[in-house]
PDB file of N, CA and C in Angstrom:
ATOM      1  N   UNK A   1       0.853  -1.183   0.000  1.00  0.00           N
ATOM      2  CA  UNK A   1       0.000   0.000   0.000  1.00  0.00           C
ATOM      3  C   UNK A   1       0.897   1.244   0.000  1.00  0.00           C
ATOM      4  N   UNK A   2       0.612   2.163  -0.887  1.00  0.00           N
ATOM      5  CA  UNK A   2       1.404   3.392  -0.976  1.00  0.00           C
ATOM      6  C   UNK A   2       0.631   4.530  -0.324  1.00  0.00           C
ATOM      7  N   UNK A   3       1.337   5.315   0.500  1.00  0.00           N
ATOM      8  CA  UNK A   3       0.741   6.461   1.178  1.00  0.00           C
ATOM      9  C   UNK A   3       1.531   7.712   0.830  1.00  0.00           C
ATOM     10  N   UNK A   4       0.829   8.842   0.778  1.00  0.00           N
ATOM     11  CA  UNK A   4       1.459  10.113   0.421  1.00  0.00           C
ATOM     12  C   UNK A   4       1.927  10.828   1.688  1.00  0.00           C
ATOM     13  N   UNK A   5       3.125  11.406   1.621  1.00  0.00           N
ATOM     14  CA  UNK A   5       3.705  12.139   2.727  1.00  0.00           C
ATOM     15  C   UNK A   5       4.214  13.489   2.234  1.00  0.00           C
ATOM     16  N   UNK A   6       4.363  14.420   3.162  1.00  0.00           N
ATOM     17  CA  UNK A   6       4.941  15.724   2.863  1.00  0.00           C
ATOM     18  C   UNK A   6       6.172  15.889   3.743  1.00  0.00           C
ATOM     19  N   UNK A   7       7.254  16.347   3.154  1.00  0.00           N
ATOM     20  CA  UNK A   7       8.486  16.590   3.897  1.00  0.00           C
ATOM     21  C   UNK A   7       8.882  18.045   3.782  1.00  0.00           C
ATOM     22  N   UNK A   8       9.624  18.495   4.778  1.00  0.00           N
ATOM     23  CA  UNK A   8      10.243  19.813   4.751  1.00  0.00           C
ATOM     24  C   UNK A   8      11.745  19.579   4.723  1.00  0.00           C
ATOM     25  N   UNK A   9      12.409  20.110   3.717  1.00  0.00           N
ATOM     26  CA  UNK A   9      13.856  19.941   3.610  1.00  0.00           C
ATOM     27  C   UNK A   9      14.548  20.965   4.505  1.00  0.00           C
ATOM     28  N   UNK A  10      15.396  20.472   5.383  1.00  0.00           N
ATOM     29  CA  UNK A  10      16.118  21.355   6.308  1.00  0.00           C
ATOM     30  C   UNK A  10      17.251  22.101   5.620  1.00  0.00           C
ATOM     31  N   UNK A  11      17.656  21.643   4.455  1.00  0.00           N
ATOM     32  CA  UNK A  11      18.751  22.297   3.734  1.00  0.00           C
ATOM     33  C   UNK A  11      18.280  23.514   2.945  1.00  0.00           C
ATOM     34  N   UNK A  12      17.223  23.364   2.156  1.00  0.00           N
ATOM     35  CA  UNK A  12      16.785  24.458   1.272  1.00  0.00           C
ATOM     36  C   UNK A  12      15.491  25.128   1.740  1.00  0.00           C
ATOM     37  N   UNK A  13      14.795  24.512   2.722  1.00  0.00           N
ATOM     38  CA  UNK A  13      13.581  25.112   3.259  1.00  0.00           C
ATOM     39  C   UNK A  13      12.322  24.868   2.439  1.00  0.00           C
ATOM     40  N   UNK A  14      12.403  24.032   1.401  1.00  0.00           N
ATOM     41  CA  UNK A  14      11.234  23.742   0.562  1.00  0.00           C
ATOM     42  C   UNK A  14      10.437  22.579   1.138  1.00  0.00           C
ATOM     43  N   UNK A  15       9.165  22.514   0.762  1.00  0.00           N
ATOM     44  CA  UNK A  15       8.289  21.394   1.085  1.00  0.00           C
ATOM     45  C   UNK A  15       8.097  20.579  -0.180  1.00  0.00           C
ATOM     46  N   UNK A  16       7.947  19.259  -0.039  1.00  0.00           N
ATOM     47  CA  UNK A  16       7.691  18.421  -1.206  1.00  0.00           C
ATOM     48  C   UNK A  16       6.895  17.184  -0.805  1.00  0.00           C
ATOM     49  N   UNK A  17       6.203  16.613  -1.784  1.00  0.00           N
ATOM     50  CA  UNK A  17       5.377  15.424  -1.583  1.00  0.00           C
ATOM     51  C   UNK A  17       6.049  14.213  -2.222  1.00  0.00           C
ATOM     52  N   UNK A  18       5.770  13.045  -1.662  1.00  0.00           N
ATOM     53  CA  UNK A  18       6.242  11.792  -2.243  1.00  0.00           C
ATOM     54  C   UNK A  18       5.383  10.669  -1.681  1.00  0.00           C
ATOM     55  N   UNK A  19       5.497   9.495  -2.267  1.00  0.00           N
ATOM     56  CA  UNK A  19       4.745   8.340  -1.774  1.00  0.00           C
ATOM     57  C   UNK A  19       5.715   7.275  -1.287  1.00  0.00           C
ATOM     58  N   UNK A  20       5.291   6.581  -0.238  1.00  0.00           N
ATOM     59  CA  UNK A  20       6.066   5.478   0.336  1.00  0.00           C
ATOM     60  C   UNK A  20       5.236   4.215   0.307  1.00  0.00           C
ATOM     61  N   UNK A  21       5.901   3.090   0.109  1.00  0.00           N
ATOM     62  CA  UNK A  21       5.241   1.805   0.224  1.00  0.00           C
ATOM     63  C   UNK A  21       5.218   1.445   1.707  1.00  0.00           C
ATOM     64  N   UNK A  22       4.116   1.736   2.376  1.00  0.00           N
ATOM     65  CA  UNK A  22       4.028   1.548   3.832  1.00  0.00           C
ATOM     66  C   UNK A  22       3.855   0.089   4.234  1.00  0.00           C
ATOM     67  N   UNK A  23       3.711  -0.799   3.267  1.00  0.00           N
ATOM     68  CA  UNK A  23       3.592  -2.224   3.584  1.00  0.00           C
ATOM     69  C   UNK A  23       4.951  -2.839   3.895  1.00  0.00           C
ATOM     70  N   UNK A  24       6.031  -2.157   3.493  1.00  0.00           N
ATOM     71  CA  UNK A  24       7.372  -2.687   3.691  1.00  0.00           C
ATOM     72  C   UNK A  24       8.113  -1.899   4.770  1.00  0.00           C
ATOM     73  N   UNK A  25       8.478  -2.567   5.845  1.00  0.00           N
ATOM     74  CA  UNK A  25       9.264  -1.921   6.897  1.00  0.00           C
ATOM     75  C   UNK A  25      10.735  -1.943   6.501  1.00  0.00           C
ATOM     76  N   UNK A  26      11.456  -0.898   6.910  1.00  0.00           N
ATOM     77  CA  UNK A  26      12.884  -0.839   6.619  1.00  0.00           C
ATOM     78  C   UNK A  26      13.364   0.575   6.374  1.00  0.00           C
ATOM     79  N   UNK A  27      14.520   0.687   5.745  1.00  0.00           N
ATOM     80  CA  UNK A  27      15.168   1.977   5.510  1.00  0.00           C
ATOM     81  C   UNK A  27      14.775   2.556   4.157  1.00  0.00           C
ATOM     82  N   UNK A  28      14.538   3.857   4.142  1.00  0.00           N
ATOM     83  CA  UNK A  28      14.188   4.585   2.925  1.00  0.00           C
ATOM     84  C   UNK A  28      15.092   5.794   2.811  1.00  0.00           C
ATOM     85  N   UNK A  29      15.474   6.127   1.585  1.00  0.00           N
ATOM     86  CA  UNK A  29      16.190   7.364   1.298  1.00  0.00           C
ATOM     87  C   UNK A  29      15.277   8.221   0.448  1.00  0.00           C
ATOM     88  N   UNK A  30      15.034   9.458   0.900  1.00  0.00           N
ATOM     89  CA  UNK A  30      14.184  10.382   0.166  1.00  0.00           C
ATOM     90  C   UNK A  30      15.043  11.574  -0.222  1.00  0.00           C
ATOM     91  N   UNK A  31      15.165  11.811  -1.519  1.00  0.00           N
ATOM     92  CA  UNK A  31      15.985  12.905  -2.041  1.00  0.00           C
ATOM     93  C   UNK A  31      15.115  14.142  -2.224  1.00  0.00           C
ATOM     94  N   UNK A  32      15.572  15.284  -1.740  1.00  0.00           N
ATOM     95  CA  UNK A  32      14.858  16.535  -1.968  1.00  0.00           C
ATOM     96  C   UNK A  32      14.958  16.850  -3.459  1.00  0.00           C
ATOM     97  N   UNK A  33      13.820  17.073  -4.129  1.00  0.00           N
ATOM     98  CA  UNK A  33      13.876  17.353  -5.563  1.00  0.00           C
ATOM     99  C   UNK A  33      14.438  18.734  -5.887  1.00  0.00           C
ATOM    100  N   UNK A  34      14.553  19.610  -4.892  1.00  0.00           N
ATOM    101  CA  UNK A  34      15.078  20.952  -5.136  1.00  0.00           C
ATOM    102  C   UNK A  34      16.598  20.998  -5.022  1.00  0.00           C
ATOM    103  N   UNK A  35      17.132  20.525  -3.890  1.00  0.00           N
ATOM    104  CA  UNK A  35      18.571  20.655  -3.654  1.00  0.00           C
ATOM    105  C   UNK A  35      19.322  19.327  -3.644  1.00  0.00           C
ATOM    106  N   UNK A  36      18.616  18.200  -3.643  1.00  0.00           N
ATOM    107  CA  UNK A  36      19.273  16.895  -3.656  1.00  0.00           C
ATOM    108  C   UNK A  36      19.648  16.361  -2.290  1.00  0.00           C
ATOM    109  N   UNK A  37      19.349  17.110  -1.213  1.00  0.00           N
ATOM    110  CA  UNK A  37      19.648  16.645   0.150  1.00  0.00           C
ATOM    111  C   UNK A  37      18.924  15.323   0.395  1.00  0.00           C
ATOM    112  N   UNK A  38      19.607  14.378   1.015  1.00  0.00           N
ATOM    113  CA  UNK A  38      19.015  13.070   1.262  1.00  0.00           C
ATOM    114  C   UNK A  38      18.481  13.009   2.682  1.00  0.00           C
ATOM    115  N   UNK A  39      17.227  12.605   2.815  1.00  0.00           N
ATOM    116  CA  UNK A  39      16.568  12.403   4.104  1.00  0.00           C
ATOM    117  C   UNK A  39      16.515  10.897   4.340  1.00  0.00           C
ATOM    118  N   UNK A  40      17.133  10.444   5.406  1.00  0.00           N
ATOM    119  CA  UNK A  40      17.168   9.023   5.741  1.00  0.00           C
ATOM    120  C   UNK A  40      16.050   8.728   6.729  1.00  0.00           C
ATOM    121  N   UNK A  41      15.165   7.817   6.381  1.00  0.00           N
ATOM    122  CA  UNK A  41      14.027   7.497   7.240  1.00  0.00           C
ATOM    123  C   UNK A  41      13.896   5.991   7.403  1.00  0.00           C
ATOM    124  N   UNK A  42      13.320   5.589   8.539  1.00  0.00           N
ATOM    125  CA  UNK A  42      13.048   4.193   8.801  1.00  0.00           C
ATOM    126  C   UNK A  42      11.542   4.025   8.989  1.00  0.00           C
ATOM    127  N   UNK A  43      10.973   3.053   8.309  1.00  0.00           N
ATOM    128  CA  UNK A  43       9.545   2.765   8.403  1.00  0.00           C
ATOM    129  C   UNK A  43       9.363   1.475   9.187  1.00  0.00           C
ATOM    130  N   UNK A  44       8.415   1.480  10.121  1.00  0.00           N
ATOM    131  CA  UNK A  44       8.136   0.277  10.908  1.00  0.00           C
ATOM    132  C   UNK A  44       6.633   0.178  11.090  1.00  0.00           C
ATOM    133  N   UNK A  45       6.066  -0.923  10.715  1.00  0.00           N
ATOM    134  CA  UNK A  45       4.621  -1.180  10.844  1.00  0.00           C
ATOM    135  C   UNK A  45       3.797  -0.085  10.164  1.00  0.00           C
ATOM    136  N   UNK A  46       4.226   0.387   9.018  1.00  0.00           N
ATOM    137  CA  UNK A  46       3.468   1.355   8.241  1.00  0.00           C
ATOM    138  C   UNK A  46       3.599   2.802   8.662  1.00  0.00           C
ATOM    139  N   UNK A  47       4.482   3.113   9.618  1.00  0.00           N
ATOM    140  CA  UNK A  47       4.642   4.494  10.090  1.00  0.00           C
ATOM    141  C   UNK A  47       6.125   4.884  10.069  1.00  0.00           C
ATOM    142  N   UNK A  48       6.375   6.161   9.779  1.00  0.00           N
ATOM    143  CA  UNK A  48       7.744   6.670   9.830  1.00  0.00           C
ATOM    144  C   UNK A  48       8.123   6.821  11.297  1.00  0.00           C
ATOM    145  N   UNK A  49       9.257   6.249  11.679  1.00  0.00           N
ATOM    146  CA  UNK A  49       9.686   6.290  13.081  1.00  0.00           C
ATOM    147  C   UNK A  49      10.595   7.492  13.320  1.00  0.00           C
ATOM    148  N   UNK A  50      10.872   7.743  14.575  1.00  0.00           N
ATOM    149  CA  UNK A  50      11.808   8.804  14.942  1.00  0.00           C
ATOM    150  C   UNK A  50      13.246   8.362  14.712  1.00  0.00           C
ATOM    151  N   UNK A  51      13.452   7.052  14.567  1.00  0.00           N
ATOM    152  CA  UNK A  51      14.786   6.506  14.332  1.00  0.00           C
ATOM    153  C   UNK A  51      15.216   6.842  12.916  1.00  0.00           C
ATOM    154  N   UNK A  52      16.412   7.366  12.762  1.00  0.00           N
ATOM    155  CA  UNK A  52      16.974   7.664  11.456  1.00  0.00           C
ATOM    156  C   UNK A  52      18.108   6.677  11.203  1.00  0.00           C
ATOM    157  N   UNK A  53      18.323   6.340   9.983  1.00  0.00           N
ATOM    158  CA  UNK A  53      19.486   5.535   9.661  1.00  0.00           C
ATOM    159  C   UNK A  53      20.417   6.406   8.833  1.00  0.00           C
ATOM    160  N   UNK A  54      21.640   5.992   8.714  1.00  0.00           N
ATOM    161  CA  UNK A  54      22.562   6.744   7.860  1.00  0.00           C
ATOM    162  C   UNK A  54      23.179   5.804   6.832  1.00  0.00           C
ATOM    163  N   UNK A  55      23.964   6.352   5.968  1.00  0.00           N
ATOM    164  CA  UNK A  55      24.497   5.548   4.863  1.00  0.00           C
ATOM    165  C   UNK A  55      25.389   4.414   5.349  1.00  0.00           C
ATOM    166  N   UNK A  56      25.800   4.419   6.614  1.00  0.00           N
ATOM    167  CA  UNK A  56      26.666   3.365   7.148  1.00  0.00           C
ATOM    168  C   UNK A  56      25.889   2.234   7.813  1.00  0.00           C
ATOM    169  N   UNK A  57      24.569   2.387   7.930  1.00  0.00           N
ATOM    170  CA  UNK A  57      23.762   1.339   8.553  1.00  0.00           C
ATOM    171  C   UNK A  57      23.814   0.053   7.727  1.00  0.00           C
ATOM    172  N   UNK A  58      23.758  -1.067   8.430  1.00  0.00           N
ATOM    173  CA  UNK A  58      23.756  -2.362   7.750  1.00  0.00           C
ATOM    174  C   UNK A  58      22.358  -2.778   7.297  1.00  0.00           C
ATOM    175  N   UNK A  59      21.341  -2.002   7.677  1.00  0.00           N
ATOM    176  CA  UNK A  59      19.969  -2.356   7.317  1.00  0.00           C
ATOM    177  C   UNK A  59      19.750  -2.332   5.814  1.00  0.00           C
ATOM    178  N   UNK A  60      18.764  -3.055   5.387  1.00  0.00           N
ATOM    179  CA  UNK A  60      18.441  -3.142   3.968  1.00  0.00           C
ATOM    180  C   UNK A  60      17.725  -1.878   3.521  1.00  0.00           C
ATOM    181  N   UNK A  61      18.161  -1.325   2.411  1.00  0.00           N
ATOM    182  CA  UNK A  61      17.503  -0.159   1.828  1.00  0.00           C
ATOM    183  C   UNK A  61      16.299  -0.655   1.039  1.00  0.00           C
ATOM    184  N   UNK A  62      15.107  -0.288   1.482  1.00  0.00           N
ATOM    185  CA  UNK A  62      13.879  -0.736   0.839  1.00  0.00           C
ATOM    186  C   UNK A  62      13.632   0.044  -0.448  1.00  0.00           C
ATOM    187  N   UNK A  63      13.810   1.358  -0.377  1.00  0.00           N
ATOM    188  CA  UNK A  63      13.502   2.176  -1.542  1.00  0.00           C
ATOM    189  C   UNK A  63      14.333   3.457  -1.530  1.00  0.00           C
ATOM    190  N   UNK A  64      14.747   3.879  -2.707  1.00  0.00           N
ATOM    191  CA  UNK A  64      15.469   5.126  -2.903  1.00  0.00           C
ATOM    192  C   UNK A  64      14.520   6.033  -3.686  1.00  0.00           C
ATOM    193  N   UNK A  65      13.953   7.039  -3.024  1.00  0.00           N
ATOM    194  CA  UNK A  65      12.871   7.832  -3.610  1.00  0.00           C
ATOM    195  C   UNK A  65      13.398   9.169  -4.113  1.00  0.00           C
ATOM    196  N   UNK A  66      13.070   9.467  -5.352  1.00  0.00           N
ATOM    197  CA  UNK A  66      13.451  10.737  -5.983  1.00  0.00           C
ATOM    198  C   UNK A  66      12.192  11.404  -6.528  1.00  0.00           C
ATOM    199  N   UNK A  67      11.531  12.243  -5.703  1.00  0.00           N
ATOM    200  CA  UNK A  67      10.302  12.901  -6.149  1.00  0.00           C
ATOM    201  C   UNK A  67      10.563  13.858  -7.317  1.00  0.00           C
ATOM    202  N   UNK A  68       9.510  14.167  -8.037  1.00  0.00           N
ATOM    203  CA  UNK A  68       9.628  15.088  -9.171  1.00  0.00           C
ATOM    204  C   UNK A  68       9.814  16.514  -8.669  1.00  0.00           C
ATOM    205  N   UNK A  69      10.554  17.303  -9.440  1.00  0.00           N
ATOM    206  CA  UNK A  69      10.821  18.703  -9.103  1.00  0.00           C
ATOM    207  C   UNK A  69       9.513  19.486  -8.932  1.00  0.00           C
ATOM    208  N   UNK A  70       8.478  19.096  -9.671  1.00  0.00           N
ATOM    209  CA  UNK A  70       7.198  19.807  -9.596  1.00  0.00           C
ATOM    210  C   UNK A  70       6.490  19.625  -8.256  1.00  0.00           C
ATOM    211  N   UNK A  71       6.964  18.697  -7.409  1.00  0.00           N
ATOM    212  CA  UNK A  71       6.339  18.517  -6.097  1.00  0.00           C
ATOM    213  C   UNK A  71       6.837  19.533  -5.074  1.00  0.00           C
ATOM    214  N   UNK A  72       7.846  20.359  -5.422  1.00  0.00           N
ATOM    215  CA  UNK A  72       8.421  21.358  -4.511  1.00  0.00           C
ATOM    216  C   UNK A  72       7.547  22.599  -4.415  1.00  0.00           C
ATOM    217  N   UNK A  73       7.525  23.185  -3.225  1.00  0.00           N
ATOM    218  CA  UNK A  73       6.835  24.460  -3.007  1.00  0.00           C
ATOM    219  C   UNK A  73       7.455  25.146  -1.797  1.00  0.00           C
ATOM    220  N   UNK A  74       7.152  26.430  -1.659  1.00  0.00           N
ATOM    221  CA  UNK A  74       7.730  27.231  -0.585  1.00  0.00           C
ATOM    222  C   UNK A  74       6.929  27.172   0.713  1.00  0.00           C
ATOM    223  N   UNK A  75       5.747  26.614   0.675  1.00  0.00           N
ATOM    224  CA  UNK A  75       4.862  26.628   1.839  1.00  0.00           C
ATOM    225  C   UNK A  75       4.301  25.237   2.094  1.00  0.00           C
ATOM    226  N   UNK A  76       3.878  25.017   3.327  1.00  0.00           N
ATOM    227  CA  UNK A  76       3.288  23.750   3.719  1.00  0.00           C
ATOM    228  C   UNK A  76       1.850  23.693   3.237  1.00  0.00           C
ATOM    229  N   UNK A  77       1.410  22.521   2.818  1.00  0.00           N
ATOM    230  CA  UNK A  77       0.020  22.361   2.391  1.00  0.00           C
ATOM    231  C   UNK A  77      -0.898  22.559   3.585  1.00  0.00           C
ATOM    232  N   UNK A  78      -2.093  23.024   3.293  1.00  0.00           N
ATOM    233  CA  UNK A  78      -3.089  23.135   4.360  1.00  0.00           C
ATOM    234  C   UNK A  78      -3.512  21.739   4.767  1.00  0.00           C
ATOM    235  N   UNK A  79      -3.893  21.592   5.987  1.00  0.00           N
ATOM    236  CA  UNK A  79      -4.344  20.294   6.461  1.00  0.00           C
ATOM    237  C   UNK A  79      -5.647  19.927   5.763  1.00  0.00           C
ATOM    238  N   UNK A  80      -5.834  18.628   5.542  1.00  0.00           N
ATOM    239  CA  UNK A  80      -7.045  18.172   4.876  1.00  0.00           C
ATOM    240  C   UNK A  80      -8.262  18.456   5.747  1.00  0.00           C
ATOM    241  N   UNK A  81      -9.376  18.718   5.099  1.00  0.00           N
ATOM    242  CA  UNK A  81     -10.612  19.014   5.823  1.00  0.00           C
ATOM    243  C   UNK A  81     -11.267  17.707   6.233  1.00  0.00           C
ATOM    244  N   UNK A  82     -11.649  17.615   7.475  1.00  0.00           N
ATOM    245  CA  UNK A  82     -12.378  16.460   7.968  1.00  0.00           C
ATOM    246  C   UNK A  82     -13.838  16.667   7.610  1.00  0.00           C
ATOM    247  N   UNK A  83     -14.348  15.900   6.652  1.00  0.00           N
ATOM    248  CA  UNK A  83     -15.712  16.105   6.172  1.00  0.00           C
ATOM    249  C   UNK A  83     -16.767  15.796   7.231  1.00  0.00           C
ATOM    250  N   UNK A  84     -16.392  15.096   8.265  1.00  0.00           N
ATOM    251  CA  UNK A  84     -17.347  14.810   9.332  1.00  0.00           C
ATOM    252  C   UNK A  84     -17.599  16.045  10.196  1.00  0.00           C
ATOM    253  N   UNK A  85     -16.696  17.003  10.157  1.00  0.00           N
ATOM    254  CA  UNK A  85     -16.868  18.214  10.969  1.00  0.00           C
ATOM    255  C   UNK A  85     -16.590  19.447  10.119  1.00  0.00           C
ATOM    256  N   UNK A  86     -17.367  19.638   9.067  1.00  0.00           N
ATOM    257  CA  UNK A  86     -17.119  20.727   8.136  1.00  0.00           C
ATOM    258  C   UNK A  86     -17.714  22.059   8.568  1.00  0.00           C
ATOM    259  N   UNK A  87     -18.539  22.085   9.588  1.00  0.00           N
ATOM    260  CA  UNK A  87     -19.210  23.337   9.979  1.00  0.00           C
ATOM    261  C   UNK A  87     -18.220  24.486  10.183  1.00  0.00           C
ATOM    262  N   UNK A  88     -17.131  24.308  10.918  1.00  0.00           N
ATOM    263  CA  UNK A  88     -16.201  25.429  11.063  1.00  0.00           C
ATOM    264  C   UNK A  88     -15.179  25.513   9.923  1.00  0.00           C
ATOM    265  N   UNK A  89     -15.252  24.588   8.986  1.00  0.00           N
ATOM    266  CA  UNK A  89     -14.227  24.502   7.958  1.00  0.00           C
ATOM    267  C   UNK A  89     -14.524  25.246   6.675  1.00  0.00           C
ATOM    268  N   UNK A  90     -13.655  25.057   5.743  1.00  0.00           N
ATOM    269  CA  UNK A  90     -13.698  25.747   4.457  1.00  0.00           C
ATOM    270  C   UNK A  90     -14.970  25.440   3.674  1.00  0.00           C
ATOM    271  N   UNK A  91     -15.386  24.188   3.649  1.00  0.00           N
ATOM    272  CA  UNK A  91     -16.566  23.808   2.865  1.00  0.00           C
ATOM    273  C   UNK A  91     -17.787  24.565   3.348  1.00  0.00           C
ATOM    274  N   UNK A  92     -17.945  24.689   4.659  1.00  0.00           N
ATOM    275  CA  UNK A  92     -19.090  25.414   5.206  1.00  0.00           C
ATOM    276  C   UNK A  92     -19.031  26.894   4.826  1.00  0.00           C
ATOM    277  N   UNK A  93     -17.845  27.499   4.927  1.00  0.00           N
ATOM    278  CA  UNK A  93     -17.713  28.914   4.555  1.00  0.00           C
ATOM    279  C   UNK A  93     -18.014  29.120   3.074  1.00  0.00           C
ATOM    280  N   UNK A  94     -17.528  28.230   2.235  1.00  0.00           N
ATOM    281  CA  UNK A  94     -17.785  28.332   0.806  1.00  0.00           C
ATOM    282  C   UNK A  94     -19.278  28.191   0.523  1.00  0.00           C
ATOM    283  N   UNK A  95     -19.906  27.218   1.130  1.00  0.00           N
ATOM    284  CA  UNK A  95     -21.347  26.993   0.971  1.00  0.00           C
ATOM    285  C   UNK A  95     -22.116  28.236   1.409  1.00  0.00           C
ATOM    286  N   UNK A  96     -21.743  28.817   2.541  1.00  0.00           N
ATOM    287  CA  UNK A  96     -22.423  30.011   3.054  1.00  0.00           C
ATOM    288  C   UNK A  96     -22.267  31.180   2.092  1.00  0.00           C
ATOM    289  N   UNK A  97     -21.063  31.379   1.551  1.00  0.00           N
ATOM    290  CA  UNK A  97     -20.838  32.485   0.620  1.00  0.00           C
ATOM    291  C   UNK A  97     -21.664  32.316  -0.654  1.00  0.00           C
ATOM    292  N   UNK A  98     -21.724  31.126  -1.178  1.00  0.00           N
ATOM    293  CA  UNK A  98     -22.461  30.885  -2.424  1.00  0.00           C
ATOM    294  C   UNK A  98     -23.951  31.102  -2.218  1.00  0.00           C
ATOM    295  N   UNK A  99     -24.502  30.500  -1.161  1.00  0.00           N
ATOM    296  CA  UNK A  99     -25.947  30.565  -0.974  1.00  0.00           C
ATOM    297  C   UNK A  99     -26.427  31.855  -0.334  1.00  0.00           C
ATOM    298  N   UNK A 100     -25.562  32.552   0.405  1.00  0.00           N
ATOM    299  CA  UNK A 100     -25.989  33.842   0.964  1.00  0.00           C
ATOM    300  C   UNK A 100     -26.059  34.881  -0.142  1.00  0.00           C
ATOM    301  N   UNK A 101     -25.259  34.751  -1.167  1.00  0.00           N
ATOM    302  CA  UNK A 101     -25.297  35.679  -2.303  1.00  0.00           C
ATOM    303  C   UNK A 101     -26.571  35.495  -3.133  1.00  0.00           C
ATOM    304  N   UNK A 102     -27.122  34.279  -3.126  1.00  0.00           N
ATOM    305  CA  UNK A 102     -28.331  33.987  -3.892  1.00  0.00           C
ATOM    306  C   UNK A 102     -29.602  34.384  -3.141  1.00  0.00           C
ATOM    307  N   UNK A 103     -29.530  34.504  -1.841  1.00  0.00           N
ATOM    308  CA  UNK A 103     -30.734  34.777  -1.041  1.00  0.00           C
ATOM    309  C   UNK A 103     -31.146  36.229  -1.098  1.00  0.00           C
TER     310      UNK A 103
END
């Protein structure tokens, strides 16, 4: 199963998206598409852990990920809207603006 993640590169300050195969536990290398900085991550039971590995680790490299340059941006994406509680969210405001203009 592949899941989408967002990273912030500490070297260049850009944000970028990529997908990980969360079904496979192990070491992953994620290359920043802007500056090429490598982010070393370890996945365990479908979640990214706080444990980092480095190029000297004996662990098996599961995947070497190189996202597309077009996934880079200067700002963090907005959090997804929980459709179960849209009243205070964007969808409710948009709905109110559209229908209040018609009334």
